[in-house]
Amino acid sequence: MRVHHLGSLLLLAALAPAIGAQEARELRVAIQPEAGAAIRAEQGAALRIQPSSKVWVEGNSTVRRYKCEAARVSGSVAVDPASSSTAIADLQKAVTGVELSIPVAQLACGDNTMDGHMRKALQAESHPAITFRLTSHEVLPQGTEKGTVKMTGRLNIAGKENVVTVSAEATQEANGGLRVKGSKELKMTEFGVKPPTLMMGTLKVHDPVTVHFDLILRQ
């Protein structure tokens, strides 16, 4: 599926922030009342990432594993005006753009000390958000309500942008929305991020991390 997107997906993800200049080209989306119905696209707005969406990072260290959760994920999906729906079978042509954003200051690792070190490593003051913009995607439908999505896009962490590819599962929800789930392993150093060290060097965070996303998309 072709997309101009961290979203994050992925994952993405996909993967989630405001579209900005593209907003004028986004479409208004009306949900059909029937159970399992797809979303019908109308000129004016886009699908939005819902507050129930989740993004979290898991990693390891010399002492223990850790998990950092994003308290907020924002973003939207632009839909082609010529497309009549965003059903799984129509996603390949329907989606024209996706952008995601995660505020670094709202990453919570369950420990105040770890939170501080992680935000410092990610340069939260100078680069307050992790962003992902999809550039292309491919959808492989698996029936009418599920499909596999391969997403490629530009992921920006701590001011360093890399092209990443993420695989995710898309599911049509009963109310017409979409749910996109997946994960992607990354290395902090690929983005110029030095893995944090705590407890006078006793705890050293390992370079590889896995980013998980579970995104709910609706009008």
C-alpha atoms as a PDB file:
ATOM      1  CA  MET A   1       0.000   0.000   0.000  1.00  0.00           C
ATOM      2  CA  ARG A   2       1.464   3.371  -0.884  1.00  0.00           C
ATOM      3  CA  VAL A   3       1.535   5.898   1.919  1.00  0.00           C
ATOM      4  CA  HIS A   4       3.255   9.249   2.601  1.00  0.00           C
ATOM      5  CA  HIS A   5       3.550   8.715   6.575  1.00  0.00           C
ATOM      6  CA  LEU A   6       5.955   6.592  12.486  1.00  0.00           C
ATOM      7  CA  GLY A   7       3.719   6.184  12.327  1.00  0.00           C
ATOM      8  CA  SER A   8       4.148   3.082  13.296  1.00  0.00           C
ATOM      9  CA  LEU A   9       2.803   2.084  11.777  1.00  0.00           C
ATOM     10  CA  LEU A  10       4.490   1.164  13.015  1.00  0.00           C
ATOM     11  CA  LEU A  11       5.187   0.200  13.621  1.00  0.00           C
ATOM     12  CA  LEU A  12       5.042   0.299  13.055  1.00  0.00           C
ATOM     13  CA  ALA A  13       3.164   1.785  13.933  1.00  0.00           C
ATOM     14  CA  ALA A  14       3.907   1.957  12.931  1.00  0.00           C
ATOM     15  CA  LEU A  15       4.154   3.623  14.629  1.00  0.00           C
ATOM     16  CA  ALA A  16       1.820   8.299  15.839  1.00  0.00           C
ATOM     17  CA  PRO A  17       0.919  13.662  15.047  1.00  0.00           C
ATOM     18  CA  ALA A  18      -0.879  16.321  13.055  1.00  0.00           C
ATOM     19  CA  ILE A  19      -0.695  16.148   9.286  1.00  0.00           C
ATOM     20  CA  GLY A  20      -0.155  19.897   8.812  1.00  0.00           C
ATOM     21  CA  ALA A  21       0.058  20.953   5.169  1.00  0.00           C
ATOM     22  CA  GLN A  22      -1.535  17.730   3.963  1.00  0.00           C
ATOM     23  CA  GLU A  23      -4.621  18.328   6.084  1.00  0.00           C
ATOM     24  CA  ALA A  24      -6.438  20.101   3.259  1.00  0.00           C
ATOM     25  CA  ARG A  25      -6.232  16.881   1.253  1.00  0.00           C
ATOM     26  CA  GLU A  26      -7.523  14.618   3.994  1.00  0.00           C
ATOM     27  CA  LEU A  27     -11.028  13.241   3.927  1.00  0.00           C
ATOM     28  CA  ARG A  28     -13.991  13.301   6.220  1.00  0.00           C
ATOM     29  CA  VAL A  29     -14.755   9.773   7.352  1.00  0.00           C
ATOM     30  CA  ALA A  30     -18.228   8.574   8.247  1.00  0.00           C
ATOM     31  CA  ILE A  31     -18.731   5.226   9.961  1.00  0.00           C
ATOM     32  CA  GLN A  32     -21.401   3.001   8.483  1.00  0.00           C
ATOM     33  CA  PRO A  33     -23.905   1.837  11.106  1.00  0.00           C
ATOM     34  CA  GLU A  34     -23.873  -1.853  10.200  1.00  0.00           C
ATOM     35  CA  ALA A  35     -21.763  -4.177  12.352  1.00  0.00           C
ATOM     36  CA  GLY A  36     -18.476  -4.906  10.624  1.00  0.00           C
ATOM     37  CA  ALA A  37     -19.059  -2.186   8.035  1.00  0.00           C
ATOM     38  CA  ALA A  38     -16.069  -0.393   6.556  1.00  0.00           C
ATOM     39  CA  ILE A  39     -15.431   3.332   6.933  1.00  0.00           C
ATOM     40  CA  ARG A  40     -16.811   5.425   4.072  1.00  0.00           C
ATOM     41  CA  ALA A  41     -14.554   8.305   2.999  1.00  0.00           C
ATOM     42  CA  GLU A  42     -15.973  11.786   2.477  1.00  0.00           C
ATOM     43  CA  GLN A  43     -14.112  14.966   1.650  1.00  0.00           C
ATOM     44  CA  GLY A  44     -12.836  16.926   4.679  1.00  0.00           C
ATOM     45  CA  ALA A  45     -11.045  14.859   7.343  1.00  0.00           C
ATOM     46  CA  ALA A  46      -8.974  11.776   8.131  1.00  0.00           C
ATOM     47  CA  LEU A  47      -8.846   8.716  10.328  1.00  0.00           C
ATOM     48  CA  ARG A  48      -7.397   9.625  13.716  1.00  0.00           C
ATOM     49  CA  ILE A  49      -5.330   7.574  16.123  1.00  0.00           C
ATOM     50  CA  GLN A  50      -7.543   7.035  19.157  1.00  0.00           C
ATOM     51  CA  PRO A  51      -6.532   7.632  22.826  1.00  0.00           C
ATOM     52  CA  SER A  52      -6.805   3.891  23.474  1.00  0.00           C
ATOM     53  CA  SER A  53      -3.849   3.288  21.129  1.00  0.00           C
ATOM     54  CA  LYS A  54      -0.631   2.043  22.736  1.00  0.00           C
ATOM     55  CA  VAL A  55       3.069   2.259  21.931  1.00  0.00           C
ATOM     56  CA  TRP A  56       5.744   0.838  24.211  1.00  0.00           C
ATOM     57  CA  VAL A  57       9.437  -0.018  24.126  1.00  0.00           C
ATOM     58  CA  GLU A  58      10.981  -3.125  25.655  1.00  0.00           C
ATOM     59  CA  GLY A  59      14.670  -3.717  26.204  1.00  0.00           C
ATOM     60  CA  ASN A  60      17.269  -5.341  28.413  1.00  0.00           C
ATOM     61  CA  SER A  61      20.151  -4.246  30.609  1.00  0.00           C
ATOM     62  CA  THR A  62      22.948  -5.772  32.629  1.00  0.00           C
ATOM     63  CA  VAL A  63      20.563  -5.964  35.608  1.00  0.00           C
ATOM     64  CA  ARG A  64      16.992  -6.457  34.377  1.00  0.00           C
ATOM     65  CA  ARG A  65      14.561  -6.050  31.507  1.00  0.00           C
ATOM     66  CA  TYR A  66      12.619  -2.807  31.235  1.00  0.00           C
ATOM     67  CA  LYS A  67       9.510  -1.439  29.541  1.00  0.00           C
ATOM     68  CA  CYS A  68       8.780   2.192  28.673  1.00  0.00           C
ATOM     69  CA  GLU A  69       5.212   3.125  27.721  1.00  0.00           C
ATOM     70  CA  ALA A  70       4.080   6.191  25.791  1.00  0.00           C
ATOM     71  CA  ALA A  71       1.391   8.037  27.734  1.00  0.00           C
ATOM     72  CA  ARG A  72       0.183   9.647  24.512  1.00  0.00           C
ATOM     73  CA  VAL A  73       0.320   8.784  20.814  1.00  0.00           C
ATOM     74  CA  SER A  74      -1.073  11.136  18.174  1.00  0.00           C
ATOM     75  CA  GLY A  75      -1.421  11.023  14.423  1.00  0.00           C
ATOM     76  CA  SER A  76      -3.755  10.660  11.484  1.00  0.00           C
ATOM     77  CA  VAL A  77      -4.282   8.818   8.216  1.00  0.00           C
ATOM     78  CA  ALA A  78      -5.122  10.656   4.989  1.00  0.00           C
ATOM     79  CA  VAL A  79      -7.528   8.901   2.619  1.00  0.00           C
ATOM     80  CA  ASP A  80      -7.807   9.223  -1.162  1.00  0.00           C
ATOM     81  CA  PRO A  81     -10.948  11.231  -2.115  1.00  0.00           C
ATOM     82  CA  ALA A  82     -11.629   8.708  -4.889  1.00  0.00           C
ATOM     83  CA  SER A  83     -11.774   5.802  -2.443  1.00  0.00           C
ATOM     84  CA  SER A  84     -15.204   4.707  -1.226  1.00  0.00           C
ATOM     85  CA  SER A  85     -14.012   2.887   1.923  1.00  0.00           C
ATOM     86  CA  THR A  86     -11.093   1.855   4.107  1.00  0.00           C
ATOM     87  CA  ALA A  87     -12.028  -1.806   4.326  1.00  0.00           C
ATOM     88  CA  ILE A  88      -9.032  -4.150   4.448  1.00  0.00           C
ATOM     89  CA  ALA A  89      -9.459  -5.033   0.772  1.00  0.00           C
ATOM     90  CA  ASP A  90      -9.410  -1.319  -0.160  1.00  0.00           C
ATOM     91  CA  LEU A  91      -6.492  -0.133   1.997  1.00  0.00           C
ATOM     92  CA  GLN A  92      -3.911  -0.461  -0.752  1.00  0.00           C
ATOM     93  CA  LYS A  93      -5.508   2.357  -2.751  1.00  0.00           C
ATOM     94  CA  ALA A  94      -7.397   4.172   0.007  1.00  0.00           C
ATOM     95  CA  VAL A  95      -4.552   5.370   2.243  1.00  0.00           C
ATOM     96  CA  THR A  96      -2.429   8.217   0.886  1.00  0.00           C
ATOM     97  CA  GLY A  97      -0.609   9.483   3.974  1.00  0.00           C
ATOM     98  CA  VAL A  98       0.089   8.686   7.631  1.00  0.00           C
ATOM     99  CA  GLU A  99       1.999  10.542  10.344  1.00  0.00           C
ATOM    100  CA  LEU A 100       2.645   9.558  13.968  1.00  0.00           C
ATOM    101  CA  SER A 101       4.195  11.408  16.907  1.00  0.00           C
ATOM    102  CA  ILE A 102       5.172  10.382  20.449  1.00  0.00           C
ATOM    103  CA  PRO A 103       6.218  13.017  23.035  1.00  0.00           C
ATOM    104  CA  VAL A 104       9.539  11.897  24.544  1.00  0.00           C
ATOM    105  CA  ALA A 105       8.670  13.562  27.864  1.00  0.00           C
ATOM    106  CA  GLN A 106       5.673  11.242  28.183  1.00  0.00           C
ATOM    107  CA  LEU A 107       7.655   7.999  27.955  1.00  0.00           C
ATOM    108  CA  ALA A 108       7.300   6.281  31.337  1.00  0.00           C
ATOM    109  CA  CYS A 109       9.593   3.394  32.306  1.00  0.00           C
ATOM    110  CA  GLY A 110       8.119   2.748  35.762  1.00  0.00           C
ATOM    111  CA  ASP A 111      11.097   4.297  37.556  1.00  0.00           C
ATOM    112  CA  ASN A 112      11.775   8.021  37.921  1.00  0.00           C
ATOM    113  CA  THR A 113      15.530   7.574  37.616  1.00  0.00           C
ATOM    114  CA  MET A 114      15.202   5.468  34.477  1.00  0.00           C
ATOM    115  CA  ASP A 115      12.689   7.968  33.061  1.00  0.00           C
ATOM    116  CA  GLY A 116      15.168  10.801  33.479  1.00  0.00           C
ATOM    117  CA  HIS A 117      18.075   8.924  31.933  1.00  0.00           C
ATOM    118  CA  MET A 118      15.990   7.740  28.983  1.00  0.00           C
ATOM    119  CA  ARG A 119      14.668  11.239  28.241  1.00  0.00           C
ATOM    120  CA  LYS A 120      18.180  12.643  28.469  1.00  0.00           C
ATOM    121  CA  ALA A 121      19.504   9.962  26.090  1.00  0.00           C
ATOM    122  CA  LEU A 122      16.695  10.756  23.629  1.00  0.00           C
ATOM    123  CA  GLN A 123      17.486  14.502  23.889  1.00  0.00           C
ATOM    124  CA  ALA A 124      13.939  15.386  24.930  1.00  0.00           C
ATOM    125  CA  GLU A 125      14.658  19.113  25.298  1.00  0.00           C
ATOM    126  CA  SER A 126      16.025  19.649  21.791  1.00  0.00           C
ATOM    127  CA  HIS A 127      14.005  16.895  20.084  1.00  0.00           C
ATOM    128  CA  PRO A 128      10.723  16.635  22.033  1.00  0.00           C
ATOM    129  CA  ALA A 129       8.988  14.081  19.791  1.00  0.00           C
ATOM    130  CA  ILE A 130       9.675  10.780  18.075  1.00  0.00           C
ATOM    131  CA  THR A 131       8.015  10.909  14.658  1.00  0.00           C
ATOM    132  CA  PHE A 132       7.274   8.467  11.870  1.00  0.00           C
ATOM    133  CA  ARG A 133       6.071   9.307   8.352  1.00  0.00           C
ATOM    134  CA  LEU A 134       5.073   6.456   6.072  1.00  0.00           C
ATOM    135  CA  THR A 135       6.370   6.594   2.501  1.00  0.00           C
ATOM    136  CA  SER A 136       5.015   3.323   1.097  1.00  0.00           C
ATOM    137  CA  HIS A 137       3.032   0.289   2.141  1.00  0.00           C
ATOM    138  CA  GLU A 138       1.764  -3.039   0.866  1.00  0.00           C
ATOM    139  CA  VAL A 139      -1.413  -4.761   2.052  1.00  0.00           C
ATOM    140  CA  LEU A 140      -1.983  -8.506   1.780  1.00  0.00           C
ATOM    141  CA  PRO A 141      -5.651  -9.170   2.674  1.00  0.00           C
ATOM    142  CA  GLN A 142      -6.424 -12.374   4.593  1.00  0.00           C
ATOM    143  CA  GLY A 143     -10.161 -12.628   4.147  1.00  0.00           C
ATOM    144  CA  THR A 144     -12.431  -9.596   4.502  1.00  0.00           C
ATOM    145  CA  GLU A 145     -11.552  -8.510   8.048  1.00  0.00           C
ATOM    146  CA  LYS A 146      -7.799  -9.102   8.402  1.00  0.00           C
ATOM    147  CA  GLY A 147      -4.628  -8.401   6.503  1.00  0.00           C
ATOM    148  CA  THR A 148      -0.857  -8.088   6.758  1.00  0.00           C
ATOM    149  CA  VAL A 149       0.613  -4.641   6.171  1.00  0.00           C
ATOM    150  CA  LYS A 150       4.236  -3.991   5.226  1.00  0.00           C
ATOM    151  CA  MET A 151       5.115  -0.366   5.949  1.00  0.00           C
ATOM    152  CA  THR A 152       8.202   1.635   5.027  1.00  0.00           C
ATOM    153  CA  GLY A 153       8.769   5.120   6.330  1.00  0.00           C
ATOM    154  CA  ARG A 154      11.042   7.719   7.898  1.00  0.00           C
ATOM    155  CA  LEU A 155      11.562   7.333  11.649  1.00  0.00           C
ATOM    156  CA  ASN A 156      13.072  10.302  13.487  1.00  0.00           C
ATOM    157  CA  ILE A 157      14.555   9.748  16.956  1.00  0.00           C
ATOM    158  CA  ALA A 158      16.648  12.389  18.743  1.00  0.00           C
ATOM    159  CA  GLY A 159      16.911  14.369  15.515  1.00  0.00           C
ATOM    160  CA  LYS A 160      18.313  11.455  13.493  1.00  0.00           C
ATOM    161  CA  GLU A 161      16.139  10.129  10.667  1.00  0.00           C
ATOM    162  CA  ASN A 162      16.398   6.597   9.255  1.00  0.00           C
ATOM    163  CA  VAL A 163      14.253   4.642   6.813  1.00  0.00           C
ATOM    164  CA  VAL A 164      12.696   1.575   8.460  1.00  0.00           C
ATOM    165  CA  THR A 165      10.354  -1.194   7.320  1.00  0.00           C
ATOM    166  CA  VAL A 166       7.761  -2.658   9.690  1.00  0.00           C
ATOM    167  CA  SER A 167       5.290  -5.531   9.355  1.00  0.00           C
ATOM    168  CA  ALA A 168       1.915  -5.327  11.097  1.00  0.00           C
ATOM    169  CA  GLU A 169      -1.482  -6.982  11.290  1.00  0.00           C
ATOM    170  CA  ALA A 170      -4.560  -4.930  10.372  1.00  0.00           C
ATOM    171  CA  THR A 171      -8.008  -5.908  11.635  1.00  0.00           C
ATOM    172  CA  GLN A 172     -11.392  -4.417  10.703  1.00  0.00           C
ATOM    173  CA  GLU A 173     -13.337  -3.566  13.862  1.00  0.00           C
ATOM    174  CA  ALA A 174     -17.093  -4.056  14.190  1.00  0.00           C
ATOM    175  CA  ASN A 175     -17.690  -0.281  14.318  1.00  0.00           C
ATOM    176  CA  GLY A 176     -15.817   0.269  11.065  1.00  0.00           C
ATOM    177  CA  GLY A 177     -12.513   1.311  12.608  1.00  0.00           C
ATOM    178  CA  LEU A 178      -9.126  -0.272  12.011  1.00  0.00           C
ATOM    179  CA  ARG A 179      -6.717  -1.849  14.477  1.00  0.00           C
ATOM    180  CA  VAL A 180      -3.048  -2.119  13.494  1.00  0.00           C
ATOM    181  CA  LYS A 181      -0.613  -4.133  15.643  1.00  0.00           C
ATOM    182  CA  GLY A 182       3.065  -4.909  15.197  1.00  0.00           C
ATOM    183  CA  SER A 183       6.618  -4.498  16.473  1.00  0.00           C
ATOM    184  CA  LYS A 184      10.066  -3.534  15.237  1.00  0.00           C
ATOM    185  CA  GLU A 185      13.536  -4.138  16.669  1.00  0.00           C
ATOM    186  CA  LEU A 186      15.886  -1.157  16.505  1.00  0.00           C
ATOM    187  CA  LYS A 187      19.294  -0.176  17.832  1.00  0.00           C
ATOM    188  CA  MET A 188      19.609   3.093  19.743  1.00  0.00           C
ATOM    189  CA  THR A 189      23.036   3.768  18.268  1.00  0.00           C
ATOM    190  CA  GLU A 190      21.572   3.728  14.741  1.00  0.00           C
ATOM    191  CA  PHE A 191      19.906   7.013  15.730  1.00  0.00           C
ATOM    192  CA  GLY A 192      22.933   8.466  17.483  1.00  0.00           C
ATOM    193  CA  VAL A 193      21.496   7.623  20.918  1.00  0.00           C
ATOM    194  CA  LYS A 194      23.905   6.428  23.605  1.00  0.00           C
ATOM    195  CA  PRO A 195      22.233   3.699  25.731  1.00  0.00           C
ATOM    196  CA  PRO A 196      21.731   5.022  29.292  1.00  0.00           C
ATOM    197  CA  THR A 197      23.946   3.933  32.190  1.00  0.00           C
ATOM    198  CA  LEU A 198      22.609   4.031  35.767  1.00  0.00           C
ATOM    199  CA  MET A 199      23.734   3.210  39.301  1.00  0.00           C
ATOM    200  CA  MET A 200      27.320   4.407  38.740  1.00  0.00           C
ATOM    201  CA  GLY A 201      27.714   2.087  35.782  1.00  0.00           C
ATOM    202  CA  THR A 202      26.217  -0.991  37.426  1.00  0.00           C
ATOM    203  CA  LEU A 203      23.138  -0.925  35.182  1.00  0.00           C
ATOM    204  CA  LYS A 204      23.880  -0.538  31.492  1.00  0.00           C
ATOM    205  CA  VAL A 205      21.023  -0.505  29.015  1.00  0.00           C
ATOM    206  CA  HIS A 206      21.649  -2.737  25.999  1.00  0.00           C
ATOM    207  CA  ASP A 207      21.623  -1.182  22.535  1.00  0.00           C
ATOM    208  CA  PRO A 208      18.779  -3.221  20.902  1.00  0.00           C
ATOM    209  CA  VAL A 209      15.176  -2.322  21.786  1.00  0.00           C
ATOM    210  CA  THR A 210      11.840  -3.563  20.470  1.00  0.00           C
ATOM    211  CA  VAL A 211       9.118  -1.025  19.712  1.00  0.00           C
ATOM    212  CA  HIS A 212       5.570  -2.411  19.972  1.00  0.00           C
ATOM    213  CA  PHE A 213       2.436  -0.649  18.729  1.00  0.00           C
ATOM    214  CA  ASP A 214      -1.293  -1.310  18.969  1.00  0.00           C
ATOM    215  CA  LEU A 215      -3.096   1.477  17.109  1.00  0.00           C
ATOM    216  CA  ILE A 216      -6.842   2.111  16.877  1.00  0.00           C
ATOM    217  CA  LEU A 217      -7.909   4.257  13.904  1.00  0.00           C
ATOM    218  CA  ARG A 218     -11.319   5.908  13.632  1.00  0.00           C
ATOM    219  CA  GLN A 219     -12.884   9.150  12.477  1.00  0.00           C
END
